[in-house]
Amino acid sequence: MKKTAALIAVLMMTMAVPLAVKAAEHDHGSMHEGHGGQMAQAGMVVHRQVVDGVKVTFRIMDMKGMEMPKGIKETHHLMAEFVDAKSGKPINEGEAKVKVVGPDKSEQTKDLVGMEGHFGADIAMSKPGKYGVMCKFKVKDGKVRSSKFWYGVK
């Protein structure tokens, strides 16, 4: 009986550890802290391009259903992942800026902030239609590159 109780206790502790780790990952002050690679994988790939030896992948995640503070008008999270096209190694150092032009010709410009595994910013895409997304980025080699694409919101 003591062996059975001890075995059950060990099994319960073994199962509890991954749950505790997962819970600790979600205990953060900012919506984006701690998500890093998880968040980058959550967004839908909307554009891929190789620009002068740098492969850039853009993902957009709709933030509907997420608890957002009152007064926040941003509806989507835009992510850019940069990878050296030859080596396949991620590029995590650099600067990036995005300009988004809405279907009503409104413009918003944001710095993409370096996060774990991607550069990102929250943007407002509340109206249906096509959004023009233009990104300029400078990675560790110092060369300025740009990429642009259209994204449709229903």
N, C-alpha and C. Protein backbone atom coordinates (compact mmCIF):
# COMPACT_ATOMS: atom_id res chain seq x y z
N MET A 1 0.82 -1.19 0.00
CA MET A 1 0.00 0.00 0.00
C MET A 1 0.87 1.26 0.00
N LYS A 2 1.95 1.25 0.80
CA LYS A 2 2.84 2.40 0.85
C LYS A 2 3.52 2.61 -0.49
N LYS A 3 3.87 1.50 -1.17
CA LYS A 3 4.53 1.60 -2.48
C LYS A 3 3.56 2.20 -3.50
N THR A 4 2.30 1.78 -3.43
CA THR A 4 1.30 2.29 -4.36
C THR A 4 1.09 3.79 -4.14
N ALA A 5 1.01 4.21 -2.88
CA ALA A 5 0.83 5.62 -2.56
C ALA A 5 2.03 6.44 -3.03
N ALA A 6 3.22 5.90 -2.83
CA ALA A 6 4.43 6.59 -3.27
C ALA A 6 4.47 6.70 -4.80
N LEU A 7 4.08 5.62 -5.47
CA LEU A 7 4.06 5.63 -6.93
C LEU A 7 3.06 6.66 -7.46
N ILE A 8 1.89 6.72 -6.85
CA ILE A 8 0.88 7.70 -7.25
C ILE A 8 1.39 9.13 -7.02
N ALA A 9 2.06 9.36 -5.90
CA ALA A 9 2.60 10.68 -5.60
C ALA A 9 3.65 11.09 -6.63
N VAL A 10 4.53 10.15 -7.01
CA VAL A 10 5.55 10.45 -8.01
C VAL A 10 4.91 10.75 -9.36
N LEU A 11 3.92 9.95 -9.75
CA LEU A 11 3.24 10.19 -11.03
C LEU A 11 2.55 11.54 -11.05
N MET A 12 1.91 11.91 -9.95
CA MET A 12 1.22 13.19 -9.89
C MET A 12 2.22 14.35 -9.98
N MET A 13 3.35 14.21 -9.31
CA MET A 13 4.37 15.25 -9.37
C MET A 13 4.94 15.36 -10.78
N THR A 14 5.15 14.22 -11.43
CA THR A 14 5.68 14.22 -12.79
C THR A 14 4.73 14.92 -13.75
N MET A 15 3.44 14.68 -13.57
CA MET A 15 2.45 15.32 -14.44
C MET A 15 2.29 16.80 -14.10
N ALA A 16 2.52 17.18 -12.86
CA ALA A 16 2.32 18.57 -12.44
C ALA A 16 3.42 19.49 -12.93
N VAL A 17 4.63 18.99 -13.10
CA VAL A 17 5.76 19.83 -13.50
C VAL A 17 5.51 20.51 -14.85
N PRO A 18 5.13 19.78 -15.92
CA PRO A 18 4.88 20.48 -17.19
C PRO A 18 3.77 21.52 -17.08
N LEU A 19 2.75 21.24 -16.29
CA LEU A 19 1.67 22.20 -16.12
C LEU A 19 2.15 23.45 -15.41
N ALA A 20 3.00 23.28 -14.41
CA ALA A 20 3.54 24.42 -13.68
C ALA A 20 4.44 25.26 -14.58
N VAL A 21 5.24 24.60 -15.40
CA VAL A 21 6.11 25.32 -16.33
C VAL A 21 5.27 26.11 -17.32
N LYS A 22 4.23 25.49 -17.86
CA LYS A 22 3.35 26.15 -18.82
C LYS A 22 2.67 27.36 -18.17
N ALA A 23 2.22 27.20 -16.94
CA ALA A 23 1.58 28.30 -16.22
C ALA A 23 2.56 29.43 -15.98
N ALA A 24 3.81 29.10 -15.66
CA ALA A 24 4.82 30.13 -15.42
C ALA A 24 5.12 30.91 -16.69
N GLU A 25 5.07 30.25 -17.84
CA GLU A 25 5.31 30.93 -19.11
C GLU A 25 4.26 32.00 -19.36
N HIS A 26 3.06 31.80 -18.88
CA HIS A 26 1.99 32.75 -19.14
C HIS A 26 1.83 33.79 -18.04
N ASP A 27 2.70 33.78 -17.05
CA ASP A 27 2.64 34.76 -15.98
C ASP A 27 3.59 35.90 -16.34
N HIS A 28 3.08 36.89 -17.06
CA HIS A 28 3.92 38.00 -17.49
C HIS A 28 3.11 39.28 -17.51
N GLY A 29 3.85 40.40 -17.48
CA GLY A 29 3.20 41.69 -17.44
C GLY A 29 2.71 42.17 -18.79
N SER A 30 3.47 41.92 -19.82
CA SER A 30 3.10 42.39 -21.14
C SER A 30 2.47 41.27 -21.93
N MET A 31 1.59 41.63 -22.84
CA MET A 31 0.92 40.61 -23.65
C MET A 31 1.93 39.84 -24.49
N HIS A 32 3.03 40.47 -24.90
CA HIS A 32 3.95 39.84 -25.83
C HIS A 32 5.15 39.18 -25.15
N GLU A 33 5.48 39.56 -23.94
CA GLU A 33 6.62 38.96 -23.26
C GLU A 33 6.39 37.48 -23.06
N GLY A 34 7.45 36.71 -23.23
CA GLY A 34 7.36 35.29 -22.93
C GLY A 34 6.76 34.45 -24.03
N HIS A 35 6.05 35.05 -24.97
CA HIS A 35 5.46 34.25 -26.04
C HIS A 35 6.48 33.97 -27.12
N GLY A 36 7.26 34.96 -27.50
CA GLY A 36 8.33 34.83 -28.46
C GLY A 36 8.02 33.92 -29.61
N GLY A 37 8.74 32.80 -29.65
CA GLY A 37 8.60 31.84 -30.74
C GLY A 37 7.19 31.30 -30.85
N GLN A 38 6.52 31.11 -29.71
CA GLN A 38 5.14 30.61 -29.75
C GLN A 38 4.26 31.58 -30.51
N MET A 39 4.44 32.86 -30.24
CA MET A 39 3.61 33.86 -30.88
C MET A 39 3.93 33.92 -32.37
N ALA A 40 5.20 33.86 -32.72
CA ALA A 40 5.58 33.90 -34.13
C ALA A 40 4.97 32.73 -34.89
N GLN A 41 4.88 31.60 -34.26
CA GLN A 41 4.29 30.44 -34.92
C GLN A 41 2.78 30.53 -34.97
N ALA A 42 2.17 31.35 -34.11
CA ALA A 42 0.72 31.45 -34.06
C ALA A 42 0.14 32.25 -35.22
N GLY A 43 0.88 33.21 -35.71
CA GLY A 43 0.36 34.05 -36.78
C GLY A 43 0.32 33.33 -38.12
N MET A 44 -0.57 33.79 -38.99
CA MET A 44 -0.71 33.21 -40.32
C MET A 44 0.33 33.84 -41.25
N VAL A 45 1.06 33.01 -41.99
CA VAL A 45 2.04 33.53 -42.94
C VAL A 45 1.28 34.25 -44.06
N VAL A 46 1.64 35.52 -44.28
CA VAL A 46 0.95 36.31 -45.31
C VAL A 46 1.87 36.74 -46.44
N HIS A 47 3.19 36.65 -46.23
CA HIS A 47 4.13 37.03 -47.29
C HIS A 47 5.52 36.50 -46.95
N ARG A 48 6.18 35.98 -47.99
CA ARG A 48 7.58 35.54 -47.87
C ARG A 48 8.34 36.10 -49.05
N GLN A 49 9.57 36.53 -48.77
CA GLN A 49 10.38 37.10 -49.85
C GLN A 49 11.85 37.04 -49.44
N VAL A 50 12.72 36.87 -50.42
CA VAL A 50 14.16 36.98 -50.19
C VAL A 50 14.59 38.32 -50.76
N VAL A 51 15.20 39.16 -49.90
CA VAL A 51 15.64 40.49 -50.30
C VAL A 51 17.14 40.59 -50.02
N ASP A 52 17.94 40.63 -51.06
CA ASP A 52 19.40 40.77 -50.93
C ASP A 52 19.98 39.83 -49.87
N GLY A 53 19.67 38.56 -49.97
CA GLY A 53 20.26 37.56 -49.09
C GLY A 53 19.57 37.36 -47.75
N VAL A 54 18.49 38.09 -47.52
CA VAL A 54 17.74 37.94 -46.26
C VAL A 54 16.33 37.46 -46.60
N LYS A 55 15.96 36.30 -46.04
CA LYS A 55 14.61 35.78 -46.22
C LYS A 55 13.74 36.39 -45.12
N VAL A 56 12.69 37.08 -45.54
CA VAL A 56 11.78 37.70 -44.58
C VAL A 56 10.42 37.01 -44.70
N THR A 57 9.89 36.64 -43.55
CA THR A 57 8.57 36.01 -43.48
C THR A 57 7.69 36.90 -42.60
N PHE A 58 6.57 37.30 -43.17
CA PHE A 58 5.62 38.12 -42.41
C PHE A 58 4.45 37.26 -41.99
N ARG A 59 4.05 37.41 -40.75
CA ARG A 59 2.87 36.74 -40.21
C ARG A 59 1.97 37.81 -39.60
N ILE A 60 0.68 37.56 -39.66
CA ILE A 60 -0.27 38.46 -39.01
C ILE A 60 -1.18 37.61 -38.14
N MET A 61 -1.36 38.07 -36.92
CA MET A 61 -2.23 37.38 -35.98
C MET A 61 -3.38 38.32 -35.62
N ASP A 62 -4.60 37.86 -35.85
CA ASP A 62 -5.79 38.61 -35.46
C ASP A 62 -5.91 38.50 -33.94
N MET A 63 -6.05 39.62 -33.27
CA MET A 63 -6.11 39.62 -31.81
C MET A 63 -7.54 39.59 -31.27
N LYS A 64 -8.52 39.28 -32.14
CA LYS A 64 -9.90 39.14 -31.66
C LYS A 64 -9.93 38.05 -30.60
N GLY A 65 -10.70 38.27 -29.58
CA GLY A 65 -10.83 37.27 -28.54
C GLY A 65 -9.78 37.39 -27.45
N MET A 66 -8.73 38.18 -27.68
CA MET A 66 -7.71 38.37 -26.65
C MET A 66 -8.16 39.49 -25.73
N GLU A 67 -7.82 39.36 -24.47
CA GLU A 67 -8.16 40.42 -23.52
C GLU A 67 -7.23 41.59 -23.75
N MET A 68 -7.79 42.69 -24.21
CA MET A 68 -7.00 43.89 -24.48
C MET A 68 -7.47 44.99 -23.54
N PRO A 69 -6.56 45.84 -23.10
CA PRO A 69 -6.97 46.97 -22.25
C PRO A 69 -7.94 47.88 -23.01
N LYS A 70 -8.83 48.53 -22.27
CA LYS A 70 -9.80 49.44 -22.88
C LYS A 70 -9.06 50.56 -23.62
N GLY A 71 -9.63 50.96 -24.73
CA GLY A 71 -9.06 52.07 -25.49
C GLY A 71 -8.02 51.65 -26.52
N ILE A 72 -7.66 50.39 -26.57
CA ILE A 72 -6.68 49.92 -27.54
C ILE A 72 -7.38 49.75 -28.89
N LYS A 73 -6.86 50.41 -29.92
CA LYS A 73 -7.50 50.33 -31.23
C LYS A 73 -6.82 49.30 -32.14
N GLU A 74 -5.63 48.84 -31.76
CA GLU A 74 -4.92 47.85 -32.58
C GLU A 74 -5.66 46.52 -32.53
N THR A 75 -5.80 45.91 -33.71
CA THR A 75 -6.59 44.69 -33.84
C THR A 75 -5.77 43.48 -34.28
N HIS A 76 -4.55 43.73 -34.77
CA HIS A 76 -3.72 42.65 -35.30
C HIS A 76 -2.27 42.83 -34.82
N HIS A 77 -1.54 41.71 -34.77
CA HIS A 77 -0.12 41.74 -34.44
C HIS A 77 0.63 41.34 -35.70
N LEU A 78 1.49 42.23 -36.19
CA LEU A 78 2.31 41.97 -37.37
C LEU A 78 3.68 41.51 -36.93
N MET A 79 4.14 40.41 -37.49
CA MET A 79 5.44 39.85 -37.14
C MET A 79 6.31 39.71 -38.38
N ALA A 80 7.58 39.99 -38.24
CA ALA A 80 8.55 39.79 -39.32
C ALA A 80 9.70 38.96 -38.77
N GLU A 81 9.99 37.87 -39.47
CA GLU A 81 11.11 37.01 -39.09
C GLU A 81 12.16 37.13 -40.19
N PHE A 82 13.41 37.39 -39.80
CA PHE A 82 14.49 37.53 -40.75
C PHE A 82 15.46 36.36 -40.60
N VAL A 83 15.85 35.79 -41.74
CA VAL A 83 16.75 34.64 -41.75
C VAL A 83 17.78 34.85 -42.84
N ASP A 84 19.03 34.51 -42.55
CA ASP A 84 20.07 34.56 -43.57
C ASP A 84 19.74 33.50 -44.62
N ALA A 85 19.56 33.91 -45.87
CA ALA A 85 19.10 33.01 -46.93
C ALA A 85 20.11 31.89 -47.20
N LYS A 86 21.40 32.15 -47.03
CA LYS A 86 22.41 31.12 -47.30
C LYS A 86 22.56 30.12 -46.16
N SER A 87 22.70 30.63 -44.95
CA SER A 87 22.97 29.74 -43.81
C SER A 87 21.69 29.21 -43.15
N GLY A 88 20.58 29.92 -43.32
CA GLY A 88 19.35 29.53 -42.66
C GLY A 88 19.29 29.95 -41.20
N LYS A 89 20.29 30.72 -40.76
CA LYS A 89 20.32 31.16 -39.35
C LYS A 89 19.43 32.38 -39.15
N PRO A 90 18.68 32.39 -38.05
CA PRO A 90 17.82 33.55 -37.75
C PRO A 90 18.66 34.81 -37.52
N ILE A 91 18.13 35.94 -37.93
CA ILE A 91 18.75 37.24 -37.69
C ILE A 91 17.89 37.96 -36.66
N ASN A 92 18.43 38.13 -35.47
CA ASN A 92 17.65 38.72 -34.38
C ASN A 92 18.09 40.14 -34.04
N GLU A 93 19.09 40.65 -34.76
CA GLU A 93 19.58 42.00 -34.50
C GLU A 93 19.27 42.88 -35.70
N GLY A 94 18.83 44.09 -35.41
CA GLY A 94 18.56 45.02 -36.49
C GLY A 94 17.42 45.96 -36.13
N GLU A 95 16.98 46.68 -37.15
CA GLU A 95 15.90 47.64 -36.97
C GLU A 95 14.89 47.41 -38.10
N ALA A 96 13.64 47.61 -37.78
CA ALA A 96 12.60 47.47 -38.81
C ALA A 96 11.47 48.45 -38.51
N LYS A 97 10.91 48.96 -39.59
CA LYS A 97 9.79 49.91 -39.49
C LYS A 97 8.77 49.51 -40.53
N VAL A 98 7.49 49.64 -40.17
CA VAL A 98 6.43 49.27 -41.10
C VAL A 98 5.46 50.43 -41.26
N LYS A 99 4.99 50.58 -42.49
CA LYS A 99 3.95 51.57 -42.79
C LYS A 99 2.78 50.78 -43.35
N VAL A 100 1.60 51.00 -42.78
CA VAL A 100 0.40 50.29 -43.22
C VAL A 100 -0.59 51.33 -43.73
N VAL A 101 -1.04 51.14 -44.98
CA VAL A 101 -2.03 52.04 -45.57
C VAL A 101 -3.34 51.27 -45.67
N GLY A 102 -4.38 51.82 -45.04
CA GLY A 102 -5.68 51.15 -45.00
C GLY A 102 -6.49 51.37 -46.26
N PRO A 103 -7.61 50.65 -46.36
CA PRO A 103 -8.48 50.79 -47.53
C PRO A 103 -9.07 52.20 -47.66
N ASP A 104 -9.10 52.93 -46.56
CA ASP A 104 -9.60 54.32 -46.57
C ASP A 104 -8.45 55.32 -46.74
N LYS A 105 -7.27 54.83 -47.10
CA LYS A 105 -6.05 55.64 -47.32
C LYS A 105 -5.44 56.17 -46.02
N SER A 106 -5.95 55.74 -44.87
CA SER A 106 -5.33 56.14 -43.61
C SER A 106 -3.98 55.43 -43.48
N GLU A 107 -3.04 56.08 -42.81
CA GLU A 107 -1.70 55.52 -42.67
C GLU A 107 -1.32 55.39 -41.21
N GLN A 108 -0.55 54.35 -40.92
CA GLN A 108 0.04 54.20 -39.60
C GLN A 108 1.46 53.69 -39.79
N THR A 109 2.37 54.24 -39.03
CA THR A 109 3.78 53.84 -39.10
C THR A 109 4.19 53.37 -37.72
N LYS A 110 4.84 52.20 -37.69
CA LYS A 110 5.24 51.62 -36.41
C LYS A 110 6.66 51.07 -36.52
N ASP A 111 7.41 51.17 -35.42
CA ASP A 111 8.68 50.47 -35.32
C ASP A 111 8.37 49.03 -34.97
N LEU A 112 9.01 48.10 -35.64
CA LEU A 112 8.86 46.69 -35.27
C LEU A 112 9.89 46.42 -34.17
N VAL A 113 9.42 46.00 -33.03
CA VAL A 113 10.25 45.79 -31.86
C VAL A 113 10.78 44.36 -31.87
N GLY A 114 12.06 44.22 -31.57
CA GLY A 114 12.66 42.88 -31.48
C GLY A 114 12.07 42.12 -30.31
N MET A 115 11.53 40.95 -30.61
CA MET A 115 10.97 40.06 -29.60
C MET A 115 11.67 38.72 -29.75
N GLU A 116 11.35 37.77 -28.93
CA GLU A 116 11.97 36.45 -29.02
C GLU A 116 11.55 35.78 -30.33
N GLY A 117 12.46 35.73 -31.29
CA GLY A 117 12.19 35.02 -32.53
C GLY A 117 11.59 35.85 -33.65
N HIS A 118 11.20 37.09 -33.38
CA HIS A 118 10.65 37.93 -34.44
C HIS A 118 10.68 39.39 -34.04
N PHE A 119 10.40 40.24 -35.01
CA PHE A 119 10.20 41.66 -34.77
C PHE A 119 8.70 41.88 -34.93
N GLY A 120 8.08 42.68 -34.08
CA GLY A 120 6.64 42.81 -34.18
C GLY A 120 6.09 44.12 -33.67
N ALA A 121 4.85 44.37 -34.07
CA ALA A 121 4.10 45.55 -33.61
C ALA A 121 2.62 45.26 -33.76
N ASP A 122 1.83 45.90 -32.91
CA ASP A 122 0.38 45.81 -33.01
C ASP A 122 -0.09 46.93 -33.94
N ILE A 123 -1.01 46.58 -34.85
CA ILE A 123 -1.51 47.54 -35.82
C ILE A 123 -3.03 47.48 -35.87
N ALA A 124 -3.63 48.57 -36.32
CA ALA A 124 -5.09 48.64 -36.44
C ALA A 124 -5.51 48.26 -37.85
N MET A 125 -6.32 47.22 -37.95
CA MET A 125 -6.89 46.78 -39.22
C MET A 125 -8.36 46.45 -38.98
N SER A 126 -9.11 47.45 -38.55
CA SER A 126 -10.49 47.21 -38.14
C SER A 126 -11.50 47.29 -39.28
N LYS A 127 -11.12 47.92 -40.38
CA LYS A 127 -12.05 48.06 -41.50
C LYS A 127 -11.79 46.98 -42.55
N PRO A 128 -12.85 46.45 -43.16
CA PRO A 128 -12.63 45.46 -44.22
C PRO A 128 -12.01 46.11 -45.45
N GLY A 129 -11.21 45.32 -46.16
CA GLY A 129 -10.58 45.80 -47.38
C GLY A 129 -9.12 45.41 -47.45
N LYS A 130 -8.42 45.97 -48.45
CA LYS A 130 -7.00 45.67 -48.65
C LYS A 130 -6.13 46.69 -47.93
N TYR A 131 -5.12 46.16 -47.25
CA TYR A 131 -4.14 46.98 -46.55
C TYR A 131 -2.79 46.81 -47.24
N GLY A 132 -2.15 47.93 -47.55
CA GLY A 132 -0.80 47.89 -48.10
C GLY A 132 0.19 47.91 -46.95
N VAL A 133 1.09 46.94 -46.93
CA VAL A 133 2.08 46.84 -45.85
C VAL A 133 3.46 47.02 -46.48
N MET A 134 4.18 48.05 -46.03
CA MET A 134 5.52 48.32 -46.52
C MET A 134 6.49 48.30 -45.35
N CYS A 135 7.53 47.51 -45.48
CA CYS A 135 8.49 47.36 -44.38
C CYS A 135 9.89 47.69 -44.87
N LYS A 136 10.59 48.53 -44.12
CA LYS A 136 12.01 48.79 -44.35
C LYS A 136 12.74 48.20 -43.16
N PHE A 137 13.81 47.48 -43.45
CA PHE A 137 14.57 46.88 -42.37
C PHE A 137 16.06 46.93 -42.65
N LYS A 138 16.81 47.03 -41.56
CA LYS A 138 18.27 47.04 -41.62
C LYS A 138 18.75 46.02 -40.60
N VAL A 139 19.41 44.98 -41.10
CA VAL A 139 19.93 43.95 -40.20
C VAL A 139 21.41 44.21 -39.94
N LYS A 140 22.08 43.25 -39.33
CA LYS A 140 23.44 43.46 -38.83
C LYS A 140 24.45 43.90 -39.88
N ASP A 141 24.22 43.65 -41.18
CA ASP A 141 25.19 44.08 -42.20
C ASP A 141 25.04 45.56 -42.54
N GLY A 142 24.01 46.24 -42.01
CA GLY A 142 23.85 47.67 -42.19
C GLY A 142 23.13 48.09 -43.47
N LYS A 143 22.83 47.14 -44.34
CA LYS A 143 22.16 47.46 -45.60
C LYS A 143 20.65 47.61 -45.37
N VAL A 144 20.07 48.67 -45.92
CA VAL A 144 18.62 48.89 -45.80
C VAL A 144 17.92 48.12 -46.92
N ARG A 145 16.94 47.34 -46.53
CA ARG A 145 16.15 46.54 -47.47
C ARG A 145 14.68 46.88 -47.28
N SER A 146 13.87 46.53 -48.28
CA SER A 146 12.44 46.79 -48.13
C SER A 146 11.63 45.66 -48.75
N SER A 147 10.42 45.51 -48.24
CA SER A 147 9.49 44.51 -48.72
C SER A 147 8.09 45.09 -48.61
N LYS A 148 7.23 44.74 -49.55
CA LYS A 148 5.84 45.22 -49.45
C LYS A 148 4.89 44.17 -49.99
N PHE A 149 3.67 44.22 -49.46
CA PHE A 149 2.65 43.26 -49.86
C PHE A 149 1.28 43.80 -49.49
N TRP A 150 0.24 43.15 -49.99
CA TRP A 150 -1.15 43.48 -49.69
C TRP A 150 -1.70 42.42 -48.75
N TYR A 151 -2.56 42.88 -47.83
CA TYR A 151 -3.23 41.97 -46.90
C TYR A 151 -4.70 42.35 -46.85
N GLY A 152 -5.56 41.38 -47.06
CA GLY A 152 -7.00 41.64 -47.06
C GLY A 152 -7.66 41.28 -45.76
N VAL A 153 -8.53 42.16 -45.29
CA VAL A 153 -9.33 41.93 -44.08
C VAL A 153 -10.79 41.85 -44.51
N LYS A 154 -11.46 40.80 -44.05
CA LYS A 154 -12.88 40.60 -44.40
C LYS A 154 -13.78 41.23 -43.38
